[in-house]
Amino acid sequence: MKRRSAFRVAAPEGLDPTERWEARGACRTEENRAQADNWYAPSSNREAFNAAMRVCAGCPVRAECLDAALKRREAWGIWGGLTESQRRGILRKRQASAEQQAA
């Protein structure tokens, strides 16, 4: 399966790319962009995984990143400081809550 990269987000027509939340992410600094594979490292690669989680922990747009990943149902990588399985858990809880409210 092909993985999408957090670093190739195009701005909608007419919007300056620096105005998007993605441009303000901690992962967008030169130092962190050079380590982009960390965001897609398996959790068994503790060094890369922990490096990515540290960057996310201090990110000013962590909430926006997580929200976007949940909306897109991002299947790979660390987004908003959460792993794929953590995001799936949130989506399952949301689905169960929606079903419960609909009943």
Protein backbone atom coordinates (compact mmCIF):
# COMPACT_ATOMS: atom_id res chain seq x y z
CA MET A 1 0.00 0.00 0.00
CA LYS A 2 1.32 3.43 -0.88
CA ARG A 3 1.83 5.82 2.02
CA ARG A 4 0.96 9.49 1.80
CA SER A 5 3.40 12.02 3.12
CA ALA A 6 2.54 14.81 5.52
CA PHE A 7 4.98 17.00 3.66
CA ARG A 8 3.24 17.28 0.30
CA VAL A 9 0.06 19.14 1.17
CA ALA A 10 -1.02 21.60 -1.49
CA ALA A 11 -2.88 24.75 -0.55
CA PRO A 12 -6.30 25.28 -2.12
CA GLU A 13 -6.27 27.68 -5.03
CA GLY A 14 -5.99 31.28 -3.90
CA LEU A 15 -4.67 30.44 -0.42
CA ASP A 16 -1.09 31.16 0.53
CA PRO A 17 0.46 27.83 1.61
CA THR A 18 1.95 29.49 4.70
CA GLU A 19 -1.58 30.25 5.93
CA ARG A 20 -2.49 26.57 6.24
CA TRP A 21 -2.06 24.85 9.59
CA GLU A 22 0.29 22.32 8.00
CA ALA A 23 2.87 25.04 7.41
CA ARG A 24 3.00 25.75 11.15
CA GLY A 25 3.56 22.14 12.21
CA ALA A 26 6.63 21.27 14.24
CA CYS A 27 7.32 18.54 11.69
CA ARG A 28 7.83 21.23 9.04
CA THR A 29 11.10 22.61 10.40
CA GLU A 30 14.18 21.87 8.30
CA GLU A 31 15.59 19.60 11.00
CA ASN A 32 12.39 17.59 11.34
CA ARG A 33 11.67 17.42 7.61
CA ALA A 34 15.02 15.69 7.20
CA GLN A 35 13.70 12.97 9.52
CA ALA A 36 10.34 12.51 7.78
CA ASP A 37 10.60 8.71 7.89
CA ASN A 38 10.21 8.89 11.67
CA TRP A 39 6.50 9.63 11.24
CA TYR A 40 6.07 6.36 9.38
CA ALA A 41 8.44 4.20 11.42
CA PRO A 42 7.00 1.05 12.99
CA SER A 43 6.54 1.32 16.75
CA SER A 44 9.13 -1.46 17.05
CA ASN A 45 11.71 1.13 15.89
CA ARG A 46 11.57 2.82 19.29
CA GLU A 47 14.20 5.47 18.53
CA ALA A 48 12.42 6.82 15.42
CA PHE A 49 8.97 6.37 16.96
CA ASN A 50 9.93 8.25 20.13
CA ALA A 51 11.60 11.03 18.12
CA ALA A 52 8.41 11.60 16.16
CA MET A 53 6.28 11.54 19.30
CA ARG A 54 8.55 14.13 20.97
CA VAL A 55 8.14 16.49 18.01
CA CYS A 56 4.36 16.05 18.06
CA ALA A 57 4.16 16.62 21.81
CA GLY A 58 5.28 20.22 21.43
CA CYS A 59 3.55 20.98 18.15
CA PRO A 60 1.37 24.12 18.04
CA VAL A 61 -1.05 22.55 15.53
CA ARG A 62 -1.31 19.07 17.04
CA ALA A 63 -5.10 19.27 17.43
CA GLU A 64 -5.60 20.40 13.82
CA CYS A 65 -3.30 17.63 12.60
CA LEU A 66 -5.18 14.97 14.55
CA ASP A 67 -8.53 16.29 13.39
CA ALA A 68 -7.44 16.22 9.75
CA ALA A 69 -6.04 12.69 10.10
CA LEU A 70 -9.28 11.46 11.65
CA LYS A 71 -11.38 13.11 8.92
CA ARG A 72 -9.20 11.54 6.20
CA ARG A 73 -9.03 8.24 8.10
CA GLU A 74 -5.27 8.40 7.71
CA ALA A 75 -4.08 4.79 7.70
CA TRP A 76 -0.34 5.32 8.13
CA GLY A 77 2.03 7.14 10.39
CA ILE A 78 1.88 9.38 13.39
CA TRP A 79 -0.52 12.30 13.03
CA GLY A 80 -1.46 14.67 15.83
CA GLY A 81 0.73 12.68 18.18
CA LEU A 82 -1.26 9.47 17.76
CA THR A 83 -0.51 6.19 16.02
CA GLU A 84 -2.74 4.42 13.52
CA SER A 85 -4.19 2.13 16.19
CA GLN A 86 -4.86 5.01 18.57
CA ARG A 87 -6.71 6.91 15.84
CA ARG A 88 -8.72 3.80 14.94
CA GLY A 89 -9.73 3.56 18.60
CA ILE A 90 -11.02 7.14 18.56
CA LEU A 91 -12.98 6.48 15.37
CA ARG A 92 -14.50 3.30 16.85
CA LYS A 93 -15.58 5.19 19.98
CA ARG A 94 -17.10 7.96 17.87
CA GLN A 95 -18.96 5.40 15.76
CA ALA A 96 -20.29 3.58 18.83
CA SER A 97 -21.38 6.87 20.37
CA ALA A 98 -23.17 7.91 17.18
CA GLU A 99 -24.92 4.54 16.96
CA GLN A 100 -25.96 4.74 20.60
CA GLN A 101 -27.40 8.24 20.13
CA ALA A 102 -29.26 7.12 17.00
CA ALA A 103 -30.92 4.22 18.82
